[in-house]
Each structure stands twice: as C-alpha cells, then as structure tokens.
Amino acid sequence: MRNKILQEKINQGEHQQQDFKFAINDSKKIARSLAAFANTDGGSLLVGVKDNGKIAGVASEEEYYMIEAAAKMYCKPPVNFEVLEWKSEGKTVLEIIIPQSDEKPHKAPTKDGNYKVYIRVKDQNLLANKILLEYWKAQKRNKNQLLQLNPPEKFLLDYLSENESISFTRFYKKANISRYKAEKILVSLLCMNIIEIHFTEKEIYYTLSEEPNEDGYSSFE
C-alpha cells in the first residue's frame, strides 16, 4: 500500500527545504546537503527516492551509518538530525530531518577536500560568500547600529532605488571605495535589514529589502 503522507512530500518535488537522494554512497558529498540545510532554513532529505520522484527504497542499514558519518565526521561543527522511516509498497524511505542551526556556519568538504560553507538556495547547495559569513557573525554580536549616510551608503541606496540590484564588484567600483569598506557597508545594511542578499548559481547580488523579517534574516530565494 502506498503511504499517502510520504507521497504528498514527494509530490512537492525538490525545493529549498527538501532534497531527494536515490542512494547514499559518499558521506562527504551528503555532508554538503546536511550543512546547507542547517545553514539556511533547515529541511528534509528523502533517501531512497529518485530525482523523478519514483520510490526506489534504501538498500541497507549502511545508508543510515553513512548519513551519521556525514553529519558527525564531515560537518564542522557536527549537524544535528532526526530520522523518520517511511514504508511504501514494501520499500523503505528514510527521511533525514535537519533543523535550522543556531551554530552556523557549518562547513563541509568540497570535491577537493577543502572545507567550505554551503547554503541551500531553492533546490541547490551553493557556496556562501564572505559577506554572508560576516553578516552571521554580526548577527550573533547583536549590536544595535545606526545608519550613517556617508557618500558610499548614499550612493548604494540611491542606486538601488533606481535599479533592481547591484553586485559587490559594481558597488565598490562605482562608489570608488575599497573592497574592505564595501564589505563592511553591505554587512551593516544587511544587519539593519535595509538590503537583502541573493544567491544564484551564476551570481550574488543585493537588493533593497521589500518585506523585512522580524529577525533580520534574509531569504536566499
């Protein structure tokens, strides 16, 4: 008998808070997904489900131990997770539930073995940039900041009032300031929730905030 709850989850497809894995055969690779979920909005990994949504089932208990290794050995710091076991048509699907973490950033190994910070953007795991990492640090310090409208800040806000977005490179070049100064300004405006940071596979850009969140946390969609 087909499990209706599981099927409803599968029907949603892969998105910001859900990913499918046909099988787990590389703990380091799966660590990137676990870290990305923990660093962003949290999410679930359905193991034993193909990319097209077809249920294949998990092959053995080894899959669980590989996930455990990914979370505890290859995520730095380790990522917390819970496991639900679903049964459908005689097949078993593991749902790995990863909560949004208060200990971010969590790092995971790249293909070359270097540890980097990943975030979840729609159905992809993308590398975080330095500005986002500094923004997270500033959030933890939780210091109130006052907006200083110096020429660079004024340029940025005026530019974004007339244009949809701006890249980091375009900002520091157009404002005629150093990269370091541009980073500090962007981090400060992110903390005040005046601007938002957006990630895609090809670029990272900044826009004015349209609907500020209470906690100042910007979505990566």
N, C-alpha and C. Protein backbone atom coordinates (compact mmCIF):
# COMPACT_ATOMS: atom_id res chain seq x y z
N MET A 1 0.84 -1.20 0.00
CA MET A 1 0.00 0.00 0.00
C MET A 1 0.88 1.25 0.00
N ARG A 2 0.55 2.22 -0.83
CA ARG A 2 1.33 3.44 -0.93
C ARG A 2 1.04 4.35 0.26
N ASN A 3 2.12 4.88 0.86
CA ASN A 3 1.99 5.78 2.00
C ASN A 3 1.61 7.18 1.50
N LYS A 4 0.41 7.63 1.88
CA LYS A 4 -0.10 8.91 1.36
C LYS A 4 0.71 10.10 1.83
N ILE A 5 1.13 10.08 3.11
CA ILE A 5 1.90 11.20 3.64
C ILE A 5 3.24 11.33 2.92
N LEU A 6 3.90 10.19 2.73
CA LEU A 6 5.17 10.20 2.01
C LEU A 6 4.97 10.68 0.59
N GLN A 7 3.92 10.22 -0.06
CA GLN A 7 3.67 10.62 -1.44
C GLN A 7 3.40 12.12 -1.56
N GLU A 8 2.72 12.68 -0.57
CA GLU A 8 2.48 14.13 -0.57
C GLU A 8 3.78 14.90 -0.50
N LYS A 9 4.72 14.39 0.30
CA LYS A 9 6.03 15.02 0.38
C LYS A 9 6.75 14.93 -0.96
N ILE A 10 6.72 13.77 -1.57
CA ILE A 10 7.40 13.57 -2.84
C ILE A 10 6.79 14.44 -3.93
N ASN A 11 5.48 14.59 -3.90
CA ASN A 11 4.79 15.41 -4.91
C ASN A 11 5.24 16.87 -4.89
N GLN A 12 5.77 17.32 -3.75
CA GLN A 12 6.27 18.70 -3.66
C GLN A 12 7.54 18.89 -4.48
N GLY A 13 8.22 17.79 -4.76
CA GLY A 13 9.47 17.87 -5.51
C GLY A 13 10.61 18.40 -4.65
N GLU A 14 11.75 18.60 -5.27
CA GLU A 14 12.90 19.15 -4.56
C GLU A 14 12.76 20.67 -4.49
N HIS A 15 13.05 21.22 -3.33
CA HIS A 15 12.94 22.67 -3.17
C HIS A 15 13.87 23.11 -2.06
N GLN A 16 13.70 24.33 -1.59
CA GLN A 16 14.61 24.91 -0.60
C GLN A 16 14.75 24.04 0.65
N GLN A 17 13.68 23.36 1.02
CA GLN A 17 13.72 22.59 2.26
C GLN A 17 13.50 21.09 2.04
N GLN A 18 13.75 20.62 0.83
CA GLN A 18 13.61 19.19 0.57
C GLN A 18 14.50 18.75 -0.58
N ASP A 19 15.16 17.61 -0.39
CA ASP A 19 16.03 17.05 -1.42
C ASP A 19 15.80 15.55 -1.50
N PHE A 20 15.95 14.98 -2.70
CA PHE A 20 15.84 13.55 -2.90
C PHE A 20 17.22 12.94 -3.10
N LYS A 21 17.43 11.75 -2.54
CA LYS A 21 18.65 11.00 -2.79
C LYS A 21 18.28 9.55 -3.08
N PHE A 22 18.69 9.10 -4.27
CA PHE A 22 18.42 7.71 -4.66
C PHE A 22 19.17 6.75 -3.73
N ALA A 23 20.41 7.10 -3.43
CA ALA A 23 21.23 6.27 -2.54
C ALA A 23 22.32 7.14 -1.94
N ILE A 24 22.88 6.69 -0.82
CA ILE A 24 23.99 7.37 -0.18
C ILE A 24 25.24 6.52 -0.35
N ASN A 25 26.17 6.99 -1.16
CA ASN A 25 27.40 6.23 -1.35
C ASN A 25 28.64 7.08 -1.11
N ASP A 26 28.44 8.31 -0.62
CA ASP A 26 29.57 9.19 -0.35
C ASP A 26 29.20 10.12 0.81
N SER A 27 29.74 9.85 1.99
CA SER A 27 29.40 10.64 3.18
C SER A 27 29.84 12.09 3.05
N LYS A 28 30.96 12.32 2.38
CA LYS A 28 31.46 13.69 2.22
C LYS A 28 30.52 14.51 1.35
N LYS A 29 29.99 13.87 0.30
CA LYS A 29 29.08 14.57 -0.60
C LYS A 29 27.78 14.90 0.10
N ILE A 30 27.26 13.96 0.86
CA ILE A 30 25.98 14.19 1.53
C ILE A 30 26.14 15.22 2.65
N ALA A 31 27.36 15.35 3.18
CA ALA A 31 27.61 16.35 4.23
C ALA A 31 27.32 17.75 3.72
N ARG A 32 27.54 17.99 2.43
CA ARG A 32 27.28 19.33 1.87
C ARG A 32 25.79 19.66 1.94
N SER A 33 24.94 18.66 1.68
CA SER A 33 23.50 18.89 1.77
C SER A 33 23.07 19.12 3.22
N LEU A 34 23.60 18.33 4.13
CA LEU A 34 23.23 18.48 5.54
C LEU A 34 23.65 19.86 6.06
N ALA A 35 24.87 20.27 5.72
CA ALA A 35 25.36 21.57 6.18
C ALA A 35 24.55 22.71 5.56
N ALA A 36 24.21 22.57 4.28
CA ALA A 36 23.45 23.62 3.59
C ALA A 36 22.08 23.81 4.23
N PHE A 37 21.39 22.72 4.54
CA PHE A 37 20.10 22.82 5.21
C PHE A 37 20.26 23.50 6.58
N ALA A 38 21.25 23.06 7.35
CA ALA A 38 21.46 23.61 8.69
C ALA A 38 21.80 25.09 8.63
N ASN A 39 22.52 25.51 7.60
CA ASN A 39 22.93 26.91 7.48
C ASN A 39 21.82 27.82 6.97
N THR A 40 20.76 27.23 6.43
CA THR A 40 19.72 28.06 5.83
C THR A 40 18.41 27.92 6.60
N ASP A 41 17.42 27.25 6.05
CA ASP A 41 16.10 27.18 6.68
C ASP A 41 15.80 25.82 7.30
N GLY A 42 16.80 24.92 7.33
CA GLY A 42 16.51 23.55 7.72
C GLY A 42 15.86 22.83 6.56
N GLY A 43 15.59 21.54 6.73
CA GLY A 43 14.94 20.81 5.65
C GLY A 43 15.00 19.31 5.84
N SER A 44 14.54 18.59 4.82
CA SER A 44 14.49 17.14 4.88
C SER A 44 15.14 16.52 3.65
N LEU A 45 15.83 15.42 3.90
CA LEU A 45 16.46 14.64 2.85
C LEU A 45 15.72 13.32 2.77
N LEU A 46 15.09 13.03 1.62
CA LEU A 46 14.39 11.76 1.44
C LEU A 46 15.31 10.79 0.73
N VAL A 47 15.79 9.80 1.47
CA VAL A 47 16.75 8.84 0.94
C VAL A 47 16.00 7.59 0.47
N GLY A 48 16.24 7.22 -0.78
CA GLY A 48 15.53 6.10 -1.38
C GLY A 48 14.51 6.58 -2.39
N VAL A 49 14.64 7.87 -2.79
CA VAL A 49 13.74 8.47 -3.77
C VAL A 49 14.57 9.03 -4.92
N LYS A 50 14.21 8.66 -6.15
CA LYS A 50 14.94 9.14 -7.32
C LYS A 50 14.58 10.59 -7.62
N ASP A 51 15.39 11.22 -8.47
CA ASP A 51 15.15 12.62 -8.82
C ASP A 51 13.78 12.85 -9.44
N ASN A 52 13.25 11.82 -10.11
CA ASN A 52 11.94 11.95 -10.75
C ASN A 52 10.79 11.64 -9.78
N GLY A 53 11.11 11.39 -8.52
CA GLY A 53 10.08 11.13 -7.51
C GLY A 53 9.71 9.67 -7.35
N LYS A 54 10.31 8.80 -8.13
CA LYS A 54 9.98 7.38 -8.02
C LYS A 54 10.66 6.79 -6.79
N ILE A 55 9.90 6.01 -6.01
CA ILE A 55 10.43 5.40 -4.80
C ILE A 55 11.24 4.15 -5.15
N ALA A 56 12.51 4.17 -4.76
CA ALA A 56 13.39 3.02 -5.00
C ALA A 56 13.64 2.26 -3.71
N GLY A 57 13.58 2.98 -2.58
CA GLY A 57 13.85 2.35 -1.30
C GLY A 57 15.34 2.35 -1.00
N VAL A 58 15.68 2.26 0.28
CA VAL A 58 17.09 2.21 0.67
C VAL A 58 17.58 0.78 0.56
N ALA A 59 18.86 0.68 0.27
CA ALA A 59 19.43 -0.65 0.02
C ALA A 59 19.73 -1.41 1.31
N SER A 60 20.23 -0.71 2.32
CA SER A 60 20.63 -1.39 3.55
C SER A 60 20.75 -0.40 4.69
N GLU A 61 21.02 -0.93 5.89
CA GLU A 61 21.20 -0.06 7.06
C GLU A 61 22.47 0.78 6.94
N GLU A 62 23.35 0.40 6.02
CA GLU A 62 24.59 1.17 5.82
C GLU A 62 24.30 2.61 5.45
N GLU A 63 23.14 2.84 4.80
CA GLU A 63 22.79 4.20 4.40
C GLU A 63 22.70 5.11 5.62
N TYR A 64 22.08 4.61 6.68
CA TYR A 64 21.95 5.42 7.89
C TYR A 64 23.32 5.76 8.47
N TYR A 65 24.20 4.76 8.53
CA TYR A 65 25.51 4.99 9.13
C TYR A 65 26.35 5.96 8.30
N MET A 66 26.14 5.97 6.99
CA MET A 66 26.86 6.92 6.14
C MET A 66 26.34 8.35 6.37
N ILE A 67 25.04 8.47 6.62
CA ILE A 67 24.47 9.78 6.95
C ILE A 67 24.99 10.25 8.30
N GLU A 68 25.06 9.33 9.24
CA GLU A 68 25.57 9.67 10.56
C GLU A 68 27.03 10.13 10.48
N ALA A 69 27.81 9.47 9.64
CA ALA A 69 29.20 9.87 9.45
C ALA A 69 29.28 11.24 8.80
N ALA A 70 28.39 11.49 7.84
CA ALA A 70 28.37 12.78 7.16
C ALA A 70 28.09 13.90 8.15
N ALA A 71 27.11 13.68 9.03
CA ALA A 71 26.68 14.71 9.99
C ALA A 71 27.69 14.94 11.10
N LYS A 72 28.32 13.86 11.57
CA LYS A 72 29.18 13.97 12.74
C LYS A 72 30.66 14.09 12.41
N MET A 73 31.09 13.46 11.31
CA MET A 73 32.52 13.46 10.98
C MET A 73 32.88 14.50 9.93
N TYR A 74 31.98 14.73 8.97
CA TYR A 74 32.32 15.58 7.83
C TYR A 74 31.62 16.94 7.84
N CYS A 75 30.80 17.21 8.84
CA CYS A 75 30.25 18.55 9.03
C CYS A 75 30.94 19.16 10.24
N LYS A 76 31.43 20.38 10.07
CA LYS A 76 32.14 21.06 11.16
C LYS A 76 31.51 22.41 11.43
N PRO A 77 30.92 22.63 12.62
CA PRO A 77 30.67 21.64 13.67
C PRO A 77 29.62 20.62 13.21
N PRO A 78 29.48 19.51 13.96
CA PRO A 78 28.52 18.47 13.57
C PRO A 78 27.10 19.03 13.44
N VAL A 79 26.34 18.42 12.56
CA VAL A 79 24.95 18.83 12.30
C VAL A 79 23.99 17.87 13.00
N ASN A 80 23.03 18.41 13.72
CA ASN A 80 22.01 17.58 14.36
C ASN A 80 20.97 17.14 13.34
N PHE A 81 20.45 15.93 13.51
CA PHE A 81 19.41 15.45 12.61
C PHE A 81 18.54 14.41 13.31
N GLU A 82 17.34 14.22 12.77
CA GLU A 82 16.44 13.17 13.22
C GLU A 82 16.10 12.29 12.02
N VAL A 83 15.67 11.07 12.29
CA VAL A 83 15.35 10.14 11.21
C VAL A 83 13.93 9.60 11.36
N LEU A 84 13.17 9.67 10.28
CA LEU A 84 11.87 9.02 10.20
C LEU A 84 11.97 7.91 9.15
N GLU A 85 11.33 6.79 9.42
CA GLU A 85 11.34 5.68 8.47
C GLU A 85 9.95 5.51 7.88
N TRP A 86 9.86 5.66 6.55
CA TRP A 86 8.59 5.52 5.86
C TRP A 86 8.55 4.20 5.10
N LYS A 87 7.36 3.58 5.06
CA LYS A 87 7.16 2.34 4.30
C LYS A 87 6.14 2.61 3.21
N SER A 88 6.46 2.21 1.99
CA SER A 88 5.53 2.38 0.88
C SER A 88 5.75 1.27 -0.13
N GLU A 89 4.71 0.49 -0.36
CA GLU A 89 4.75 -0.61 -1.33
C GLU A 89 5.92 -1.55 -1.06
N GLY A 90 6.14 -1.84 0.22
CA GLY A 90 7.19 -2.77 0.61
C GLY A 90 8.58 -2.19 0.58
N LYS A 91 8.70 -0.90 0.31
CA LYS A 91 10.01 -0.26 0.25
C LYS A 91 10.16 0.75 1.40
N THR A 92 11.41 0.93 1.83
CA THR A 92 11.69 1.83 2.94
C THR A 92 12.36 3.10 2.45
N VAL A 93 11.84 4.24 2.91
CA VAL A 93 12.44 5.54 2.61
C VAL A 93 12.82 6.18 3.94
N LEU A 94 14.05 6.66 4.02
CA LEU A 94 14.50 7.37 5.22
C LEU A 94 14.33 8.87 5.02
N GLU A 95 13.69 9.53 5.97
CA GLU A 95 13.60 10.98 5.94
C GLU A 95 14.56 11.53 6.98
N ILE A 96 15.58 12.23 6.52
CA ILE A 96 16.56 12.83 7.40
C ILE A 96 16.15 14.28 7.61
N ILE A 97 15.79 14.64 8.83
CA ILE A 97 15.28 15.97 9.15
C ILE A 97 16.38 16.78 9.81
N ILE A 98 16.74 17.90 9.17
CA ILE A 98 17.82 18.76 9.67
C ILE A 98 17.21 20.10 10.08
N PRO A 99 17.28 20.48 11.34
CA PRO A 99 16.74 21.78 11.76
C PRO A 99 17.68 22.92 11.38
N GLN A 100 17.14 24.11 11.24
CA GLN A 100 17.98 25.28 11.06
C GLN A 100 18.85 25.43 12.31
N SER A 101 20.11 25.67 12.10
CA SER A 101 21.06 25.63 13.21
C SER A 101 21.34 26.99 13.82
N ASP A 102 21.53 27.01 15.14
CA ASP A 102 21.97 28.21 15.84
C ASP A 102 23.50 28.26 15.91
N GLU A 103 24.15 27.19 15.43
CA GLU A 103 25.61 27.11 15.50
C GLU A 103 26.26 27.35 14.14
N LYS A 104 25.50 27.86 13.18
CA LYS A 104 26.09 28.12 11.87
C LYS A 104 27.19 29.17 11.98
N PRO A 105 28.16 29.13 11.08
CA PRO A 105 28.19 28.31 9.87
C PRO A 105 28.74 26.90 10.09
N HIS A 106 28.11 25.94 9.42
CA HIS A 106 28.62 24.57 9.37
C HIS A 106 29.38 24.40 8.05
N LYS A 107 30.55 23.82 8.13
CA LYS A 107 31.36 23.60 6.93
C LYS A 107 31.29 22.14 6.51
N ALA A 108 31.48 21.90 5.21
CA ALA A 108 31.51 20.55 4.66
C ALA A 108 32.58 20.51 3.57
N PRO A 109 33.14 19.32 3.28
CA PRO A 109 34.23 19.25 2.31
C PRO A 109 33.78 19.41 0.87
N THR A 110 34.57 20.16 0.10
CA THR A 110 34.35 20.25 -1.35
C THR A 110 34.88 18.97 -1.99
N LYS A 111 34.77 18.87 -3.31
CA LYS A 111 35.30 17.71 -4.03
C LYS A 111 36.81 17.58 -3.83
N ASP A 112 37.46 18.72 -3.59
CA ASP A 112 38.91 18.72 -3.39
C ASP A 112 39.31 18.49 -1.93
N GLY A 113 38.31 18.35 -1.06
CA GLY A 113 38.60 18.10 0.34
C GLY A 113 38.75 19.34 1.20
N ASN A 114 38.59 20.53 0.60
CA ASN A 114 38.64 21.77 1.37
C ASN A 114 37.29 22.04 2.02
N TYR A 115 37.32 22.48 3.27
CA TYR A 115 36.05 22.71 3.97
C TYR A 115 35.52 24.11 3.68
N LYS A 116 34.28 24.17 3.19
CA LYS A 116 33.62 25.43 2.83
C LYS A 116 32.22 25.47 3.43
N VAL A 117 31.63 26.66 3.42
CA VAL A 117 30.28 26.85 3.94
C VAL A 117 29.28 26.83 2.79
N TYR A 118 28.29 25.96 2.88
CA TYR A 118 27.25 25.86 1.86
C TYR A 118 25.92 26.37 2.41
N ILE A 119 25.09 26.91 1.52
CA ILE A 119 23.73 27.30 1.86
C ILE A 119 22.78 26.64 0.87
N ARG A 120 21.53 26.56 1.25
CA ARG A 120 20.51 25.97 0.38
C ARG A 120 19.77 27.09 -0.34
N VAL A 121 19.78 27.06 -1.65
CA VAL A 121 19.09 28.04 -2.47
C VAL A 121 18.17 27.29 -3.44
N LYS A 122 16.87 27.38 -3.17
CA LYS A 122 15.89 26.60 -3.93
C LYS A 122 16.26 25.12 -3.86
N ASP A 123 16.64 24.48 -4.98
CA ASP A 123 16.97 23.05 -4.93
C ASP A 123 18.46 22.81 -5.10
N GLN A 124 19.28 23.82 -4.77
CA GLN A 124 20.72 23.69 -4.94
C GLN A 124 21.48 24.00 -3.67
N ASN A 125 22.67 23.41 -3.55
CA ASN A 125 23.59 23.75 -2.47
C ASN A 125 24.68 24.64 -3.07
N LEU A 126 24.76 25.89 -2.60
CA LEU A 126 25.71 26.84 -3.15
C LEU A 126 26.68 27.33 -2.07
N LEU A 127 27.85 27.76 -2.50
CA LEU A 127 28.84 28.27 -1.56
C LEU A 127 28.45 29.65 -1.04
N ALA A 128 28.58 29.85 0.26
CA ALA A 128 28.35 31.17 0.84
C ALA A 128 29.54 32.06 0.53
N ASN A 129 29.31 33.37 0.55
CA ASN A 129 30.42 34.30 0.33
C ASN A 129 30.85 34.94 1.65
N LYS A 130 31.93 35.69 1.62
CA LYS A 130 32.49 36.29 2.83
C LYS A 130 31.50 37.24 3.49
N ILE A 131 30.75 37.98 2.68
CA ILE A 131 29.82 38.96 3.24
C ILE A 131 28.72 38.28 4.06
N LEU A 132 28.21 37.17 3.56
CA LEU A 132 27.19 36.44 4.32
C LEU A 132 27.78 35.92 5.64
N LEU A 133 29.00 35.41 5.59
CA LEU A 133 29.64 34.89 6.81
C LEU A 133 29.85 36.01 7.83
N GLU A 134 30.25 37.18 7.36
CA GLU A 134 30.44 38.32 8.28
C GLU A 134 29.10 38.81 8.82
N TYR A 135 28.06 38.70 8.01
CA TYR A 135 26.71 39.06 8.44
C TYR A 135 26.25 38.15 9.57
N TRP A 136 26.49 36.86 9.44
CA TRP A 136 26.14 35.92 10.51
C TRP A 136 26.89 36.25 11.80
N LYS A 137 28.17 36.57 11.67
CA LYS A 137 28.94 36.93 12.87
C LYS A 137 28.36 38.17 13.54
N ALA A 138 28.01 39.16 12.72
CA ALA A 138 27.46 40.40 13.25
C ALA A 138 26.11 40.15 13.93
N GLN A 139 25.31 39.24 13.37
CA GLN A 139 24.02 38.91 13.99
C GLN A 139 24.21 38.34 15.40
N LYS A 140 25.25 37.51 15.55
CA LYS A 140 25.50 36.91 16.86
C LYS A 140 25.92 37.96 17.88
N ARG A 141 26.63 38.99 17.41
CA ARG A 141 27.03 40.06 18.33
C ARG A 141 25.82 40.88 18.74
N ASN A 142 24.82 40.95 17.84
CA ASN A 142 23.53 41.59 18.13
C ASN A 142 23.68 43.02 18.66
N LYS A 143 24.51 43.79 18.01
CA LYS A 143 24.69 45.18 18.40
C LYS A 143 23.79 46.09 17.58
N ASN A 144 23.13 47.02 18.24
CA ASN A 144 22.30 47.99 17.52
C ASN A 144 23.20 48.93 16.71
N GLN A 145 22.78 49.19 15.48
CA GLN A 145 23.57 50.05 14.63
C GLN A 145 22.72 51.19 14.12
N LEU A 146 23.39 52.32 13.91
CA LEU A 146 22.72 53.48 13.34
C LEU A 146 23.19 53.65 11.91
N LEU A 147 22.26 53.99 11.05
CA LEU A 147 22.59 54.18 9.64
C LEU A 147 23.35 55.49 9.46
N GLN A 148 24.55 55.36 8.90
CA GLN A 148 25.35 56.54 8.61
C GLN A 148 25.32 56.78 7.09
N LEU A 149 24.74 57.89 6.70
CA LEU A 149 24.61 58.19 5.28
C LEU A 149 25.83 58.95 4.76
N ASN A 150 26.94 58.24 4.73
CA ASN A 150 28.13 58.76 4.09
C ASN A 150 27.98 58.59 2.58
N PRO A 151 28.83 59.22 1.79
CA PRO A 151 28.69 59.11 0.33
C PRO A 151 28.54 57.69 -0.21
N PRO A 152 29.32 56.69 0.26
CA PRO A 152 29.14 55.33 -0.29
C PRO A 152 27.75 54.75 0.01
N GLU A 153 27.28 54.95 1.25
CA GLU A 153 25.95 54.44 1.62
C GLU A 153 24.87 55.15 0.80
N LYS A 154 25.02 56.44 0.66
CA LYS A 154 24.03 57.21 -0.11
C LYS A 154 24.03 56.76 -1.57
N PHE A 155 25.22 56.51 -2.12
CA PHE A 155 25.30 56.03 -3.50
C PHE A 155 24.55 54.70 -3.64
N LEU A 156 24.81 53.79 -2.71
CA LEU A 156 24.20 52.47 -2.79
C LEU A 156 22.68 52.54 -2.72
N LEU A 157 22.16 53.30 -1.77
CA LEU A 157 20.70 53.39 -1.61
C LEU A 157 20.06 54.11 -2.79
N ASP A 158 20.73 55.14 -3.29
CA ASP A 158 20.21 55.84 -4.47
C ASP A 158 20.22 54.91 -5.69
N TYR A 159 21.29 54.16 -5.82
CA TYR A 159 21.40 53.24 -6.97
C TYR A 159 20.30 52.19 -6.93
N LEU A 160 20.08 51.61 -5.74
CA LEU A 160 19.07 50.56 -5.61
C LEU A 160 17.64 51.10 -5.69
N SER A 161 17.47 52.37 -5.46
CA SER A 161 16.13 52.95 -5.61
C SER A 161 15.78 53.12 -7.10
N GLU A 162 16.81 53.11 -7.95
CA GLU A 162 16.59 53.28 -9.38
C GLU A 162 16.86 52.01 -10.18
N ASN A 163 17.55 51.05 -9.55
CA ASN A 163 17.89 49.79 -10.22
C ASN A 163 17.48 48.63 -9.33
N GLU A 164 17.20 47.50 -9.92
CA GLU A 164 16.71 46.36 -9.16
C GLU A 164 17.77 45.77 -8.24
N SER A 165 19.02 45.75 -8.67
CA SER A 165 20.05 45.07 -7.89
C SER A 165 21.43 45.62 -8.21
N ILE A 166 22.39 45.19 -7.40
CA ILE A 166 23.78 45.57 -7.64
C ILE A 166 24.68 44.44 -7.14
N SER A 167 25.78 44.21 -7.82
CA SER A 167 26.75 43.21 -7.39
C SER A 167 27.78 43.86 -6.49
N PHE A 168 28.52 43.06 -5.78
CA PHE A 168 29.57 43.58 -4.90
C PHE A 168 30.62 44.35 -5.70
N THR A 169 31.06 43.76 -6.80
CA THR A 169 32.09 44.40 -7.61
C THR A 169 31.62 45.74 -8.16
N ARG A 170 30.40 45.77 -8.65
CA ARG A 170 29.87 47.01 -9.20
C ARG A 170 29.76 48.09 -8.11
N PHE A 171 29.38 47.67 -6.92
CA PHE A 171 29.24 48.62 -5.82
C PHE A 171 30.57 49.29 -5.48
N TYR A 172 31.60 48.49 -5.20
CA TYR A 172 32.84 49.14 -4.74
C TYR A 172 33.53 49.91 -5.86
N LYS A 173 33.33 49.49 -7.10
CA LYS A 173 33.94 50.23 -8.21
C LYS A 173 33.20 51.54 -8.47
N LYS A 174 31.87 51.48 -8.50
CA LYS A 174 31.08 52.68 -8.75
C LYS A 174 31.18 53.69 -7.60
N ALA A 175 31.26 53.17 -6.37
CA ALA A 175 31.36 54.04 -5.20
C ALA A 175 32.79 54.51 -4.97
N ASN A 176 33.73 53.92 -5.71
CA ASN A 176 35.14 54.29 -5.62
C ASN A 176 35.68 54.10 -4.19
N ILE A 177 35.41 52.93 -3.64
CA ILE A 177 35.89 52.59 -2.30
C ILE A 177 36.61 51.25 -2.35
N SER A 178 37.28 50.89 -1.26
CA SER A 178 38.00 49.62 -1.20
C SER A 178 37.02 48.47 -1.04
N ARG A 179 37.47 47.28 -1.36
CA ARG A 179 36.65 46.08 -1.16
C ARG A 179 36.30 45.92 0.32
N TYR A 180 37.28 46.19 1.17
CA TYR A 180 37.06 46.05 2.62
C TYR A 180 35.94 46.98 3.09
N LYS A 181 36.00 48.25 2.65
CA LYS A 181 34.96 49.22 3.03
C LYS A 181 33.60 48.79 2.49
N ALA A 182 33.57 48.30 1.27
CA ALA A 182 32.30 47.86 0.67
C ALA A 182 31.71 46.69 1.44
N GLU A 183 32.56 45.75 1.87
CA GLU A 183 32.08 44.61 2.65
C GLU A 183 31.45 45.08 3.96
N LYS A 184 32.10 46.01 4.66
CA LYS A 184 31.58 46.50 5.94
C LYS A 184 30.23 47.20 5.76
N ILE A 185 30.10 47.96 4.69
CA ILE A 185 28.84 48.68 4.44
C ILE A 185 27.72 47.68 4.16
N LEU A 186 27.99 46.70 3.32
CA LEU A 186 26.96 45.71 2.98
C LEU A 186 26.55 44.91 4.21
N VAL A 187 27.51 44.50 5.01
CA VAL A 187 27.19 43.75 6.23
C VAL A 187 26.34 44.60 7.16
N SER A 188 26.69 45.85 7.32
CA SER A 188 25.94 46.75 8.20
C SER A 188 24.50 46.92 7.72
N LEU A 189 24.32 47.10 6.42
CA LEU A 189 22.96 47.30 5.88
C LEU A 189 22.15 46.00 5.92
N LEU A 190 22.83 44.86 5.81
CA LEU A 190 22.15 43.57 5.97
C LEU A 190 21.65 43.42 7.40
N CYS A 191 22.48 43.79 8.36
CA CYS A 191 22.09 43.69 9.77
C CYS A 191 20.90 44.57 10.10
N MET A 192 20.82 45.72 9.46
CA MET A 192 19.70 46.63 9.68
C MET A 192 18.50 46.26 8.83
N ASN A 193 18.66 45.20 8.03
CA ASN A 193 17.60 44.70 7.15
C ASN A 193 17.15 45.76 6.14
N ILE A 194 18.08 46.59 5.71
CA ILE A 194 17.78 47.59 4.69
C ILE A 194 17.97 46.99 3.30
N ILE A 195 18.92 46.05 3.20
CA ILE A 195 19.13 45.35 1.94
C ILE A 195 19.04 43.85 2.17
N GLU A 196 18.93 43.10 1.09
CA GLU A 196 18.92 41.64 1.13
C GLU A 196 20.00 41.11 0.20
N ILE A 197 20.51 39.94 0.54
CA ILE A 197 21.49 39.28 -0.30
C ILE A 197 20.81 38.11 -1.02
N HIS A 198 21.14 37.93 -2.28
CA HIS A 198 20.52 36.88 -3.09
C HIS A 198 21.60 36.05 -3.77
N PHE A 199 21.41 34.74 -3.78
CA PHE A 199 22.37 33.84 -4.40
C PHE A 199 21.71 33.09 -5.55
N THR A 200 22.43 32.98 -6.66
CA THR A 200 22.05 32.07 -7.73
C THR A 200 23.31 31.28 -8.09
N GLU A 201 23.15 30.32 -8.98
CA GLU A 201 24.30 29.51 -9.38
C GLU A 201 25.37 30.37 -10.07
N LYS A 202 24.94 31.46 -10.71
CA LYS A 202 25.86 32.27 -11.50
C LYS A 202 26.31 33.56 -10.83
N GLU A 203 25.52 34.07 -9.88
CA GLU A 203 25.88 35.37 -9.32
C GLU A 203 25.33 35.56 -7.91
N ILE A 204 25.90 36.57 -7.24
CA ILE A 204 25.41 37.01 -5.93
C ILE A 204 25.14 38.51 -6.07
N TYR A 205 23.96 38.93 -5.63
CA TYR A 205 23.63 40.34 -5.79
C TYR A 205 22.80 40.83 -4.60
N TYR A 206 22.60 42.15 -4.55
CA TYR A 206 21.95 42.78 -3.41
C TYR A 206 20.79 43.65 -3.89
N THR A 207 19.71 43.66 -3.12
CA THR A 207 18.54 44.47 -3.43
C THR A 207 18.07 45.17 -2.16
N LEU A 208 17.21 46.16 -2.32
CA LEU A 208 16.56 46.76 -1.16
C LEU A 208 15.58 45.75 -0.57
N SER A 209 15.46 45.74 0.73
CA SER A 209 14.51 44.83 1.39
C SER A 209 13.09 45.31 1.12
N GLU A 210 12.24 44.37 0.70
CA GLU A 210 10.84 44.71 0.44
C GLU A 210 9.96 44.40 1.64
N GLU A 211 10.19 43.21 2.23
CA GLU A 211 9.39 42.79 3.38
C GLU A 211 10.34 42.35 4.48
N PRO A 212 10.78 43.26 5.31
CA PRO A 212 11.74 42.93 6.37
C PRO A 212 11.20 41.84 7.29
N ASN A 213 12.07 40.87 7.65
CA ASN A 213 11.71 39.85 8.62
C ASN A 213 11.99 40.36 10.01
N GLU A 214 11.27 39.87 11.00
CA GLU A 214 11.43 40.34 12.37
C GLU A 214 12.84 40.08 12.88
N ASP A 215 13.45 38.96 12.45
CA ASP A 215 14.78 38.63 12.95
C ASP A 215 15.87 39.14 12.03
N GLY A 216 15.49 39.87 10.99
CA GLY A 216 16.50 40.41 10.10
C GLY A 216 17.12 39.40 9.20
N TYR A 217 16.54 38.21 9.07
CA TYR A 217 17.12 37.12 8.28
C TYR A 217 16.59 37.18 6.87
N SER A 218 17.50 37.27 5.91
CA SER A 218 17.09 37.37 4.51
C SER A 218 17.02 36.00 3.87
N SER A 219 16.01 35.81 3.07
CA SER A 219 15.89 34.55 2.33
C SER A 219 16.86 34.53 1.18
N PHE A 220 17.25 33.32 0.76
CA PHE A 220 18.19 33.20 -0.34
C PHE A 220 17.47 32.82 -1.64
N GLU A 221 16.16 32.91 -1.65
CA GLU A 221 15.43 32.56 -2.87
C GLU A 221 15.49 33.71 -3.87
